[in-house]
């Protein structure tokens, strides 16, 4: 796991509680932008761990089908978040993905060294 990926995980941990607070206060509008941002950041970690670069124009669904290392049901879960970033259930999904993926990326790093 590279430093940039570690920074993304750390950034999520720092800011995810703020997003949770938006949802708690039923402020979906304020939650939408950081949710979209962290969806993109999460995708960056997947690309990075799979040794690929994420391009602005790339279709992540097609790219993910080619990757060896992915979270469980990644495409379905990420599509759900992308379609409804301002829903609390999307926040729960993204939180679970970050947690699962961070654990898996640590394991992958240990096996690669």
PDB file of N, CA and C in Angstrom:
ATOM      1  N   UNK A   1       0.859  -1.179   0.000  1.00  0.00           N
ATOM      2  CA  UNK A   1       0.000   0.000   0.000  1.00  0.00           C
ATOM      3  C   UNK A   1       0.900   1.236   0.000  1.00  0.00           C
ATOM      4  N   UNK A   2       0.681   2.120  -0.959  1.00  0.00           N
ATOM      5  CA  UNK A   2       1.522   3.306  -1.044  1.00  0.00           C
ATOM      6  C   UNK A   2       1.043   4.390  -0.078  1.00  0.00           C
ATOM      7  N   UNK A   3       1.863   5.418   0.050  1.00  0.00           N
ATOM      8  CA  UNK A   3       1.583   6.504   0.990  1.00  0.00           C
ATOM      9  C   UNK A   3       0.279   7.224   0.644  1.00  0.00           C
ATOM     10  N   UNK A   4       0.029   7.413  -0.640  1.00  0.00           N
ATOM     11  CA  UNK A   4      -1.186   8.098  -1.060  1.00  0.00           C
ATOM     12  C   UNK A   4      -2.429   7.328  -0.625  1.00  0.00           C
ATOM     13  N   UNK A   5      -2.395   6.015  -0.779  1.00  0.00           N
ATOM     14  CA  UNK A   5      -3.513   5.176  -0.363  1.00  0.00           C
ATOM     15  C   UNK A   5      -3.704   5.260   1.151  1.00  0.00           C
ATOM     16  N   UNK A   6      -2.615   5.216   1.886  1.00  0.00           N
ATOM     17  CA  UNK A   6      -2.695   5.343   3.344  1.00  0.00           C
ATOM     18  C   UNK A   6      -3.308   6.688   3.728  1.00  0.00           C
ATOM     19  N   UNK A   7      -2.937   7.735   3.000  1.00  0.00           N
ATOM     20  CA  UNK A   7      -3.482   9.064   3.280  1.00  0.00           C
ATOM     21  C   UNK A   7      -4.988   9.123   3.027  1.00  0.00           C
ATOM     22  N   UNK A   8      -5.452   8.430   2.001  1.00  0.00           N
ATOM     23  CA  UNK A   8      -6.887   8.405   1.703  1.00  0.00           C
ATOM     24  C   UNK A   8      -7.644   7.722   2.838  1.00  0.00           C
ATOM     25  N   UNK A   9      -7.117   6.595   3.325  1.00  0.00           N
ATOM     26  CA  UNK A   9      -7.766   5.909   4.443  1.00  0.00           C
ATOM     27  C   UNK A   9      -7.797   6.815   5.681  1.00  0.00           C
ATOM     28  N   UNK A  10      -6.693   7.505   5.935  1.00  0.00           N
ATOM     29  CA  UNK A  10      -6.624   8.406   7.092  1.00  0.00           C
ATOM     30  C   UNK A  10      -7.601   9.577   6.935  1.00  0.00           C
ATOM     31  N   UNK A  11      -7.678  10.117   5.730  1.00  0.00           N
ATOM     32  CA  UNK A  11      -8.591  11.232   5.467  1.00  0.00           C
ATOM     33  C   UNK A  11     -10.045  10.799   5.696  1.00  0.00           C
ATOM     34  N   UNK A  12     -10.394   9.598   5.242  1.00  0.00           N
ATOM     35  CA  UNK A  12     -11.747   9.090   5.463  1.00  0.00           C
ATOM     36  C   UNK A  12     -12.038   8.993   6.963  1.00  0.00           C
ATOM     37  N   UNK A  13     -11.090   8.438   7.713  1.00  0.00           N
ATOM     38  CA  UNK A  13     -11.296   8.283   9.153  1.00  0.00           C
ATOM     39  C   UNK A  13     -11.516   9.640   9.827  1.00  0.00           C
ATOM     40  N   UNK A  14     -10.783  10.648   9.378  1.00  0.00           N
ATOM     41  CA  UNK A  14     -10.913  11.989   9.948  1.00  0.00           C
ATOM     42  C   UNK A  14     -12.259  12.630   9.615  1.00  0.00           C
ATOM     43  N   UNK A  15     -12.716  12.459   8.386  1.00  0.00           N
ATOM     44  CA  UNK A  15     -13.871  13.221   7.929  1.00  0.00           C
ATOM     45  C   UNK A  15     -15.184  12.444   7.879  1.00  0.00           C
ATOM     46  N   UNK A  16     -15.135  11.147   8.065  1.00  0.00           N
ATOM     47  CA  UNK A  16     -16.364  10.366   7.942  1.00  0.00           C
ATOM     48  C   UNK A  16     -17.378  10.717   9.029  1.00  0.00           C
ATOM     49  N   UNK A  17     -16.907  11.082  10.212  1.00  0.00           N
ATOM     50  CA  UNK A  17     -17.831  11.440  11.285  1.00  0.00           C
ATOM     51  C   UNK A  17     -18.596  12.722  10.959  1.00  0.00           C
ATOM     52  N   UNK A  18     -17.935  13.617  10.260  1.00  0.00           N
ATOM     53  CA  UNK A  18     -18.604  14.855   9.835  1.00  0.00           C
ATOM     54  C   UNK A  18     -19.727  14.538   8.844  1.00  0.00           C
ATOM     55  N   UNK A  19     -19.465  13.619   7.935  1.00  0.00           N
ATOM     56  CA  UNK A  19     -20.494  13.208   6.973  1.00  0.00           C
ATOM     57  C   UNK A  19     -21.648  12.528   7.721  1.00  0.00           C
ATOM     58  N   UNK A  20     -21.313  11.682   8.691  1.00  0.00           N
ATOM     59  CA  UNK A  20     -22.344  11.014   9.489  1.00  0.00           C
ATOM     60  C   UNK A  20     -23.222  12.046  10.195  1.00  0.00           C
ATOM     61  N   UNK A  21     -22.610  13.115  10.642  1.00  0.00           N
ATOM     62  CA  UNK A  21     -23.368  14.175  11.318  1.00  0.00           C
ATOM     63  C   UNK A  21     -24.349  14.857  10.365  1.00  0.00           C
ATOM     64  N   UNK A  22     -23.933  15.058   9.120  1.00  0.00           N
ATOM     65  CA  UNK A  22     -24.859  15.619   8.128  1.00  0.00           C
ATOM     66  C   UNK A  22     -26.104  14.745   8.014  1.00  0.00           C
ATOM     67  N   UNK A  23     -25.889  13.441   7.934  1.00  0.00           N
ATOM     68  CA  UNK A  23     -27.028  12.528   7.813  1.00  0.00           C
ATOM     69  C   UNK A  23     -27.865  12.521   9.088  1.00  0.00           C
ATOM     70  N   UNK A  24     -27.200  12.559  10.235  1.00  0.00           N
ATOM     71  CA  UNK A  24     -27.932  12.584  11.507  1.00  0.00           C
ATOM     72  C   UNK A  24     -28.850  13.805  11.572  1.00  0.00           C
ATOM     73  N   UNK A  25     -28.355  14.918  11.042  1.00  0.00           N
ATOM     74  CA  UNK A  25     -29.135  16.161  11.036  1.00  0.00           C
ATOM     75  C   UNK A  25     -30.051  16.274   9.823  1.00  0.00           C
ATOM     76  N   UNK A  26     -30.163  15.196   9.079  1.00  0.00           N
ATOM     77  CA  UNK A  26     -31.007  15.134   7.872  1.00  0.00           C
ATOM     78  C   UNK A  26     -30.638  16.199   6.843  1.00  0.00           C
ATOM     79  N   UNK A  27     -29.347  16.460   6.760  1.00  0.00           N
ATOM     80  CA  UNK A  27     -28.822  17.451   5.814  1.00  0.00           C
ATOM     81  C   UNK A  27     -28.162  16.716   4.643  1.00  0.00           C
ATOM     82  N   UNK A  28     -28.999  16.085   3.843  1.00  0.00           N
ATOM     83  CA  UNK A  28     -28.494  15.291   2.718  1.00  0.00           C
ATOM     84  C   UNK A  28     -27.748  16.152   1.711  1.00  0.00           C
ATOM     85  N   UNK A  29     -28.180  17.384   1.558  1.00  0.00           N
ATOM     86  CA  UNK A  29     -27.544  18.287   0.586  1.00  0.00           C
ATOM     87  C   UNK A  29     -26.066  18.515   0.937  1.00  0.00           C
ATOM     88  N   UNK A  30     -25.779  18.734   2.212  1.00  0.00           N
ATOM     89  CA  UNK A  30     -24.386  18.947   2.639  1.00  0.00           C
ATOM     90  C   UNK A  30     -23.564  17.669   2.575  1.00  0.00           C
ATOM     91  N   UNK A  31     -24.218  16.530   2.697  1.00  0.00           N
ATOM     92  CA  UNK A  31     -23.510  15.250   2.675  1.00  0.00           C
ATOM     93  C   UNK A  31     -23.113  14.833   1.262  1.00  0.00           C
ATOM     94  N   UNK A  32     -23.849  15.304   0.276  1.00  0.00           N
ATOM     95  CA  UNK A  32     -23.656  14.812  -1.094  1.00  0.00           C
ATOM     96  C   UNK A  32     -22.241  15.051  -1.624  1.00  0.00           C
ATOM     97  N   UNK A  33     -21.735  16.268  -1.517  1.00  0.00           N
ATOM     98  CA  UNK A  33     -20.411  16.573  -2.084  1.00  0.00           C
ATOM     99  C   UNK A  33     -19.283  15.756  -1.444  1.00  0.00           C
ATOM    100  N   UNK A  34     -19.203  15.696  -0.099  1.00  0.00           N
ATOM    101  CA  UNK A  34     -18.132  14.857   0.466  1.00  0.00           C
ATOM    102  C   UNK A  34     -18.303  13.374   0.154  1.00  0.00           C
ATOM    103  N   UNK A  35     -19.534  12.915   0.011  1.00  0.00           N
ATOM    104  CA  UNK A  35     -19.754  11.518  -0.368  1.00  0.00           C
ATOM    105  C   UNK A  35     -19.226  11.259  -1.784  1.00  0.00           C
ATOM    106  N   UNK A  36     -19.503  12.168  -2.699  1.00  0.00           N
ATOM    107  CA  UNK A  36     -18.991  12.013  -4.072  1.00  0.00           C
ATOM    108  C   UNK A  36     -17.469  12.066  -4.090  1.00  0.00           C
ATOM    109  N   UNK A  37     -16.901  12.964  -3.297  1.00  0.00           N
ATOM    110  CA  UNK A  37     -15.444  13.078  -3.194  1.00  0.00           C
ATOM    111  C   UNK A  37     -14.836  11.769  -2.685  1.00  0.00           C
ATOM    112  N   UNK A  38     -15.400  11.229  -1.607  1.00  0.00           N
ATOM    113  CA  UNK A  38     -14.819  10.015  -1.032  1.00  0.00           C
ATOM    114  C   UNK A  38     -15.087   8.778  -1.878  1.00  0.00           C
ATOM    115  N   UNK A  39     -16.130   8.786  -2.674  1.00  0.00           N
ATOM    116  CA  UNK A  39     -16.322   7.703  -3.638  1.00  0.00           C
ATOM    117  C   UNK A  39     -15.155   7.699  -4.621  1.00  0.00           C
ATOM    118  N   UNK A  40     -14.794   8.875  -5.118  1.00  0.00           N
ATOM    119  CA  UNK A  40     -13.655   8.979  -6.043  1.00  0.00           C
ATOM    120  C   UNK A  40     -12.349   8.587  -5.352  1.00  0.00           C
ATOM    121  N   UNK A  41     -12.186   9.002  -4.110  1.00  0.00           N
ATOM    122  CA  UNK A  41     -10.980   8.641  -3.366  1.00  0.00           C
ATOM    123  C   UNK A  41     -10.909   7.128  -3.152  1.00  0.00           C
ATOM    124  N   UNK A  42     -12.035   6.534  -2.850  1.00  0.00           N
ATOM    125  CA  UNK A  42     -12.063   5.081  -2.664  1.00  0.00           C
ATOM    126  C   UNK A  42     -11.665   4.375  -3.954  1.00  0.00           C
ATOM    127  N   UNK A  43     -12.203   4.839  -5.062  1.00  0.00           N
ATOM    128  CA  UNK A  43     -11.837   4.249  -6.356  1.00  0.00           C
ATOM    129  C   UNK A  43     -10.336   4.375  -6.598  1.00  0.00           C
ATOM    130  N   UNK A  44      -9.751   5.500  -6.206  1.00  0.00           N
ATOM    131  CA  UNK A  44      -8.300   5.672  -6.363  1.00  0.00           C
ATOM    132  C   UNK A  44      -7.532   4.586  -5.614  1.00  0.00           C
ATOM    133  N   UNK A  45      -8.026   4.218  -4.423  1.00  0.00           N
ATOM    134  CA  UNK A  45      -7.325   3.170  -3.665  1.00  0.00           C
ATOM    135  C   UNK A  45      -7.403   1.828  -4.384  1.00  0.00           C
ATOM    136  N   UNK A  46      -8.545   1.550  -5.003  1.00  0.00           N
ATOM    137  CA  UNK A  46      -8.680   0.286  -5.745  1.00  0.00           C
ATOM    138  C   UNK A  46      -7.718   0.258  -6.920  1.00  0.00           C
ATOM    139  N   UNK A  47      -7.677   1.345  -7.672  1.00  0.00           N
ATOM    140  CA  UNK A  47      -6.760   1.419  -8.809  1.00  0.00           C
ATOM    141  C   UNK A  47      -5.317   1.269  -8.327  1.00  0.00           C
ATOM    142  N   UNK A  48      -4.963   1.999  -7.297  1.00  0.00           N
ATOM    143  CA  UNK A  48      -3.593   1.982  -6.795  1.00  0.00           C
ATOM    144  C   UNK A  48      -3.172   0.585  -6.349  1.00  0.00           C
ATOM    145  N   UNK A  49      -4.013  -0.066  -5.577  1.00  0.00           N
ATOM    146  CA  UNK A  49      -3.670  -1.396  -5.065  1.00  0.00           C
ATOM    147  C   UNK A  49      -3.575  -2.418  -6.199  1.00  0.00           C
ATOM    148  N   UNK A  50      -4.277  -2.156  -7.278  1.00  0.00           N
ATOM    149  CA  UNK A  50      -4.201  -3.045  -8.441  1.00  0.00           C
ATOM    150  C   UNK A  50      -3.145  -2.591  -9.443  1.00  0.00           C
ATOM    151  N   UNK A  51      -2.341  -1.596  -9.080  1.00  0.00           N
ATOM    152  CA  UNK A  51      -1.240  -1.144  -9.928  1.00  0.00           C
ATOM    153  C   UNK A  51      -1.684  -0.416 -11.177  1.00  0.00           C
ATOM    154  N   UNK A  52      -2.827   0.245 -11.121  1.00  0.00           N
ATOM    155  CA  UNK A  52      -3.345   0.967 -12.287  1.00  0.00           C
ATOM    156  C   UNK A  52      -3.527   2.440 -11.934  1.00  0.00           C
ATOM    157  N   UNK A  53      -3.678   3.248 -12.970  1.00  0.00           N
ATOM    158  CA  UNK A  53      -3.922   4.672 -12.776  1.00  0.00           C
ATOM    159  C   UNK A  53      -5.349   4.986 -13.186  1.00  0.00           C
ATOM    160  N   UNK A  54      -5.995   5.769 -12.363  1.00  0.00           N
ATOM    161  CA  UNK A  54      -7.370   6.158 -12.634  1.00  0.00           C
ATOM    162  C   UNK A  54      -7.366   7.413 -13.496  1.00  0.00           C
ATOM    163  N   UNK A  55      -7.979   7.306 -14.655  1.00  0.00           N
ATOM    164  CA  UNK A  55      -8.083   8.444 -15.556  1.00  0.00           C
ATOM    165  C   UNK A  55      -9.449   9.098 -15.389  1.00  0.00           C
ATOM    166  N   UNK A  56      -9.515  10.399 -15.617  1.00  0.00           N
ATOM    167  CA  UNK A  56     -10.778  11.121 -15.487  1.00  0.00           C
ATOM    168  C   UNK A  56     -11.862  10.506 -16.375  1.00  0.00           C
ATOM    169  N   UNK A  57     -11.475  10.088 -17.554  1.00  0.00           N
ATOM    170  CA  UNK A  57     -12.456   9.582 -18.519  1.00  0.00           C
ATOM    171  C   UNK A  57     -12.744   8.091 -18.370  1.00  0.00           C
ATOM    172  N   UNK A  58     -12.052   7.438 -17.439  1.00  0.00           N
ATOM    173  CA  UNK A  58     -12.191   5.986 -17.368  1.00  0.00           C
ATOM    174  C   UNK A  58     -13.542   5.580 -16.779  1.00  0.00           C
ATOM    175  N   UNK A  59     -14.036   4.470 -17.263  1.00  0.00           N
ATOM    176  CA  UNK A  59     -15.275   3.890 -16.770  1.00  0.00           C
ATOM    177  C   UNK A  59     -14.877   2.848 -15.726  1.00  0.00           C
ATOM    178  N   UNK A  60     -15.024   3.205 -14.456  1.00  0.00           N
ATOM    179  CA  UNK A  60     -14.511   2.323 -13.406  1.00  0.00           C
ATOM    180  C   UNK A  60     -15.173   0.945 -13.429  1.00  0.00           C
ATOM    181  N   UNK A  61     -16.417   0.862 -13.859  1.00  0.00           N
ATOM    182  CA  UNK A  61     -17.084  -0.456 -13.871  1.00  0.00           C
ATOM    183  C   UNK A  61     -16.350  -1.424 -14.798  1.00  0.00           C
ATOM    184  N   UNK A  62     -15.965  -0.946 -15.974  1.00  0.00           N
ATOM    185  CA  UNK A  62     -15.213  -1.799 -16.903  1.00  0.00           C
ATOM    186  C   UNK A  62     -13.829  -2.109 -16.354  1.00  0.00           C
ATOM    187  N   UNK A  63     -13.183  -1.109 -15.771  1.00  0.00           N
ATOM    188  CA  UNK A  63     -11.842  -1.321 -15.224  1.00  0.00           C
ATOM    189  C   UNK A  63     -11.856  -2.341 -14.091  1.00  0.00           C
ATOM    190  N   UNK A  64     -12.824  -2.212 -13.190  1.00  0.00           N
ATOM    191  CA  UNK A  64     -12.866  -3.099 -12.035  1.00  0.00           C
ATOM    192  C   UNK A  64     -13.063  -4.551 -12.424  1.00  0.00           C
ATOM    193  N   UNK A  65     -13.755  -4.797 -13.511  1.00  0.00           N
ATOM    194  CA  UNK A  65     -13.955  -6.168 -13.978  1.00  0.00           C
ATOM    195  C   UNK A  65     -12.618  -6.842 -14.302  1.00  0.00           C
ATOM    196  N   UNK A  66     -11.604  -6.040 -14.639  1.00  0.00           N
ATOM    197  CA  UNK A  66     -10.289  -6.573 -15.016  1.00  0.00           C
ATOM    198  C   UNK A  66      -9.341  -6.728 -13.822  1.00  0.00           C
ATOM    199  N   UNK A  67      -9.674  -6.104 -12.696  1.00  0.00           N
ATOM    200  CA  UNK A  67      -8.762  -6.096 -11.550  1.00  0.00           C
ATOM    201  C   UNK A  67      -8.822  -7.410 -10.779  1.00  0.00           C
ATOM    202  N   UNK A  68      -7.673  -7.786 -10.254  1.00  0.00           N
ATOM    203  CA  UNK A  68      -7.546  -9.027  -9.489  1.00  0.00           C
ATOM    204  C   UNK A  68      -8.042  -8.848  -8.053  1.00  0.00           C
ATOM    205  N   UNK A  69      -7.772  -7.691  -7.465  1.00  0.00           N
ATOM    206  CA  UNK A  69      -8.094  -7.447  -6.059  1.00  0.00           C
ATOM    207  C   UNK A  69      -9.220  -6.424  -5.943  1.00  0.00           C
ATOM    208  N   UNK A  70     -10.328  -6.861  -5.341  1.00  0.00           N
ATOM    209  CA  UNK A  70     -11.492  -5.988  -5.167  1.00  0.00           C
ATOM    210  C   UNK A  70     -12.212  -6.326  -3.864  1.00  0.00           C
ATOM    211  N   UNK A  71     -12.932  -5.351  -3.314  1.00  0.00           N
ATOM    212  CA  UNK A  71     -13.828  -5.684  -2.203  1.00  0.00           C
ATOM    213  C   UNK A  71     -14.968  -6.574  -2.714  1.00  0.00           C
ATOM    214  N   UNK A  72     -15.632  -7.266  -1.822  1.00  0.00           N
ATOM    215  CA  UNK A  72     -16.756  -8.128  -2.186  1.00  0.00           C
ATOM    216  C   UNK A  72     -17.868  -7.284  -2.813  1.00  0.00           C
ATOM    217  N   UNK A  73     -18.397  -7.745  -3.944  1.00  0.00           N
ATOM    218  CA  UNK A  73     -19.487  -7.056  -4.654  1.00  0.00           C
ATOM    219  C   UNK A  73     -19.188  -5.581  -4.922  1.00  0.00           C
ATOM    220  N   UNK A  74     -17.949  -5.278  -5.256  1.00  0.00           N
ATOM    221  CA  UNK A  74     -17.514  -3.889  -5.389  1.00  0.00           C
ATOM    222  C   UNK A  74     -18.326  -3.089  -6.403  1.00  0.00           C
ATOM    223  N   UNK A  75     -18.530  -3.625  -7.581  1.00  0.00           N
ATOM    224  CA  UNK A  75     -19.201  -2.860  -8.637  1.00  0.00           C
ATOM    225  C   UNK A  75     -20.635  -2.521  -8.231  1.00  0.00           C
ATOM    226  N   UNK A  76     -21.353  -3.484  -7.696  1.00  0.00           N
ATOM    227  CA  UNK A  76     -22.733  -3.240  -7.278  1.00  0.00           C
ATOM    228  C   UNK A  76     -22.794  -2.210  -6.164  1.00  0.00           C
ATOM    229  N   UNK A  77     -21.922  -2.355  -5.186  1.00  0.00           N
ATOM    230  CA  UNK A  77     -21.940  -1.457  -4.035  1.00  0.00           C
ATOM    231  C   UNK A  77     -21.538  -0.036  -4.430  1.00  0.00           C
ATOM    232  N   UNK A  78     -20.512   0.078  -5.260  1.00  0.00           N
ATOM    233  CA  UNK A  78     -20.066   1.403  -5.696  1.00  0.00           C
ATOM    234  C   UNK A  78     -21.100   2.072  -6.595  1.00  0.00           C
ATOM    235  N   UNK A  79     -21.760   1.293  -7.424  1.00  0.00           N
ATOM    236  CA  UNK A  79     -22.818   1.840  -8.280  1.00  0.00           C
ATOM    237  C   UNK A  79     -23.970   2.377  -7.434  1.00  0.00           C
ATOM    238  N   UNK A  80     -24.315   1.652  -6.381  1.00  0.00           N
ATOM    239  CA  UNK A  80     -25.364   2.099  -5.473  1.00  0.00           C
ATOM    240  C   UNK A  80     -24.999   3.451  -4.856  1.00  0.00           C
ATOM    241  N   UNK A  81     -23.764   3.574  -4.396  1.00  0.00           N
ATOM    242  CA  UNK A  81     -23.305   4.822  -3.785  1.00  0.00           C
ATOM    243  C   UNK A  81     -23.301   5.945  -4.817  1.00  0.00           C
ATOM    244  N   UNK A  82     -22.819   5.639  -6.003  1.00  0.00           N
ATOM    245  CA  UNK A  82     -22.753   6.644  -7.062  1.00  0.00           C
ATOM    246  C   UNK A  82     -24.154   7.153  -7.434  1.00  0.00           C
ATOM    247  N   UNK A  83     -25.114   6.255  -7.484  1.00  0.00           N
ATOM    248  CA  UNK A  83     -26.478   6.626  -7.861  1.00  0.00           C
ATOM    249  C   UNK A  83     -27.207   7.426  -6.784  1.00  0.00           C
ATOM    250  N   UNK A  84     -26.839   7.212  -5.522  1.00  0.00           N
ATOM    251  CA  UNK A  84     -27.539   7.870  -4.416  1.00  0.00           C
ATOM    252  C   UNK A  84     -26.558   8.351  -3.346  1.00  0.00           C
ATOM    253  N   UNK A  85     -25.642   9.253  -3.698  1.00  0.00           N
ATOM    254  CA  UNK A  85     -24.625   9.653  -2.724  1.00  0.00           C
ATOM    255  C   UNK A  85     -25.173  10.405  -1.514  1.00  0.00           C
ATOM    256  N   UNK A  86     -26.376  10.932  -1.642  1.00  0.00           N
ATOM    257  CA  UNK A  86     -26.947  11.705  -0.537  1.00  0.00           C
ATOM    258  C   UNK A  86     -27.893  10.882   0.347  1.00  0.00           C
ATOM    259  N   UNK A  87     -27.800   9.559   0.262  1.00  0.00           N
ATOM    260  CA  UNK A  87     -28.620   8.684   1.098  1.00  0.00           C
ATOM    261  C   UNK A  87     -27.759   8.089   2.208  1.00  0.00           C
ATOM    262  N   UNK A  88     -28.349   7.969   3.375  1.00  0.00           N
ATOM    263  CA  UNK A  88     -27.625   7.431   4.522  1.00  0.00           C
ATOM    264  C   UNK A  88     -27.121   6.017   4.260  1.00  0.00           C
ATOM    265  N   UNK A  89     -27.898   5.204   3.576  1.00  0.00           N
ATOM    266  CA  UNK A  89     -27.469   3.829   3.290  1.00  0.00           C
ATOM    267  C   UNK A  89     -26.197   3.817   2.439  1.00  0.00           C
ATOM    268  N   UNK A  90     -26.038   4.810   1.585  1.00  0.00           N
ATOM    269  CA  UNK A  90     -24.805   4.918   0.791  1.00  0.00           C
ATOM    270  C   UNK A  90     -23.613   5.213   1.701  1.00  0.00           C
ATOM    271  N   UNK A  91     -23.836   6.041   2.693  1.00  0.00           N
ATOM    272  CA  UNK A  91     -22.773   6.324   3.667  1.00  0.00           C
ATOM    273  C   UNK A  91     -22.376   5.047   4.401  1.00  0.00           C
ATOM    274  N   UNK A  92     -23.352   4.276   4.817  1.00  0.00           N
ATOM    275  CA  UNK A  92     -23.071   3.007   5.510  1.00  0.00           C
ATOM    276  C   UNK A  92     -22.269   2.086   4.589  1.00  0.00           C
ATOM    277  N   UNK A  93     -22.689   1.984   3.348  1.00  0.00           N
ATOM    278  CA  UNK A  93     -21.986   1.134   2.374  1.00  0.00           C
ATOM    279  C   UNK A  93     -20.538   1.599   2.196  1.00  0.00           C
ATOM    280  N   UNK A  94     -20.341   2.909   2.029  1.00  0.00           N
ATOM    281  CA  UNK A  94     -18.987   3.438   1.815  1.00  0.00           C
ATOM    282  C   UNK A  94     -18.122   3.210   3.054  1.00  0.00           C
ATOM    283  N   UNK A  95     -18.702   3.381   4.222  1.00  0.00           N
ATOM    284  CA  UNK A  95     -17.956   3.117   5.461  1.00  0.00           C
ATOM    285  C   UNK A  95     -17.497   1.667   5.523  1.00  0.00           C
ATOM    286  N   UNK A  96     -18.406   0.756   5.203  1.00  0.00           N
ATOM    287  CA  UNK A  96     -18.053  -0.666   5.219  1.00  0.00           C
ATOM    288  C   UNK A  96     -16.986  -0.977   4.176  1.00  0.00           C
ATOM    289  N   UNK A  97     -17.119  -0.376   2.995  1.00  0.00           N
ATOM    290  CA  UNK A  97     -16.114  -0.604   1.951  1.00  0.00           C
ATOM    291  C   UNK A  97     -14.735  -0.115   2.399  1.00  0.00           C
ATOM    292  N   UNK A  98     -14.680   1.075   2.974  1.00  0.00           N
ATOM    293  CA  UNK A  98     -13.387   1.591   3.441  1.00  0.00           C
ATOM    294  C   UNK A  98     -12.787   0.652   4.487  1.00  0.00           C
ATOM    295  N   UNK A  99     -13.589   0.194   5.419  1.00  0.00           N
ATOM    296  CA  UNK A  99     -13.106  -0.687   6.477  1.00  0.00           C
ATOM    297  C   UNK A  99     -12.591  -2.015   5.907  1.00  0.00           C
ATOM    298  N   UNK A 100     -13.396  -2.642   5.067  1.00  0.00           N
ATOM    299  CA  UNK A 100     -13.009  -3.923   4.461  1.00  0.00           C
ATOM    300  C   UNK A 100     -11.761  -3.778   3.597  1.00  0.00           C
ATOM    301  N   UNK A 101     -11.737  -2.729   2.793  1.00  0.00           N
ATOM    302  CA  UNK A 101     -10.663  -2.554   1.823  1.00  0.00           C
ATOM    303  C   UNK A 101      -9.347  -2.212   2.502  1.00  0.00           C
ATOM    304  N   UNK A 102      -9.412  -1.451   3.580  1.00  0.00           N
ATOM    305  CA  UNK A 102      -8.178  -1.139   4.297  1.00  0.00           C
ATOM    306  C   UNK A 102      -7.571  -2.415   4.870  1.00  0.00           C
ATOM    307  N   UNK A 103      -8.400  -3.266   5.455  1.00  0.00           N
ATOM    308  CA  UNK A 103      -7.898  -4.546   5.999  1.00  0.00           C
ATOM    309  C   UNK A 103      -7.300  -5.407   4.894  1.00  0.00           C
ATOM    310  N   UNK A 104      -8.018  -5.494   3.786  1.00  0.00           N
ATOM    311  CA  UNK A 104      -7.532  -6.324   2.676  1.00  0.00           C
ATOM    312  C   UNK A 104      -6.237  -5.769   2.091  1.00  0.00           C
ATOM    313  N   UNK A 105      -6.134  -4.444   1.988  1.00  0.00           N
ATOM    314  CA  UNK A 105      -4.928  -3.852   1.409  1.00  0.00           C
ATOM    315  C   UNK A 105      -3.706  -4.086   2.289  1.00  0.00           C
ATOM    316  N   UNK A 106      -3.901  -4.110   3.601  1.00  0.00           N
ATOM    317  CA  UNK A 106      -2.790  -4.420   4.526  1.00  0.00           C
ATOM    318  C   UNK A 106      -2.324  -5.859   4.297  1.00  0.00           C
ATOM    319  N   UNK A 107      -3.276  -6.771   4.157  1.00  0.00           N
ATOM    320  CA  UNK A 107      -2.947  -8.181   3.899  1.00  0.00           C
ATOM    321  C   UNK A 107      -2.207  -8.327   2.573  1.00  0.00           C
ATOM    322  N   UNK A 108      -2.712  -7.642   1.545  1.00  0.00           N
ATOM    323  CA  UNK A 108      -2.070  -7.706   0.225  1.00  0.00           C
ATOM    324  C   UNK A 108      -0.647  -7.162   0.280  1.00  0.00           C
ATOM    325  N   UNK A 109      -0.443  -6.104   1.045  1.00  0.00           N
ATOM    326  CA  UNK A 109       0.887  -5.524   1.175  1.00  0.00           C
ATOM    327  C   UNK A 109       1.839  -6.512   1.845  1.00  0.00           C
ATOM    328  N   UNK A 110       1.366  -7.190   2.871  1.00  0.00           N
ATOM    329  CA  UNK A 110       2.211  -8.159   3.573  1.00  0.00           C
ATOM    330  C   UNK A 110       2.612  -9.305   2.643  1.00  0.00           C
ATOM    331  N   UNK A 111       1.697  -9.753   1.800  1.00  0.00           N
ATOM    332  CA  UNK A 111       1.989 -10.848   0.879  1.00  0.00           C
ATOM    333  C   UNK A 111       2.920 -10.424  -0.251  1.00  0.00           C
ATOM    334  N   UNK A 112       2.949  -9.144  -0.556  1.00  0.00           N
ATOM    335  CA  UNK A 112       3.782  -8.682  -1.674  1.00  0.00           C
ATOM    336  C   UNK A 112       5.217  -8.384  -1.246  1.00  0.00           C
ATOM    337  N   UNK A 113       5.465  -8.345   0.070  1.00  0.00           N
ATOM    338  CA  UNK A 113       6.828  -8.058   0.535  1.00  0.00           C
ATOM    339  C   UNK A 113       7.558  -9.289   0.963  1.00  0.00           C
TER     340      UNK A 113
END
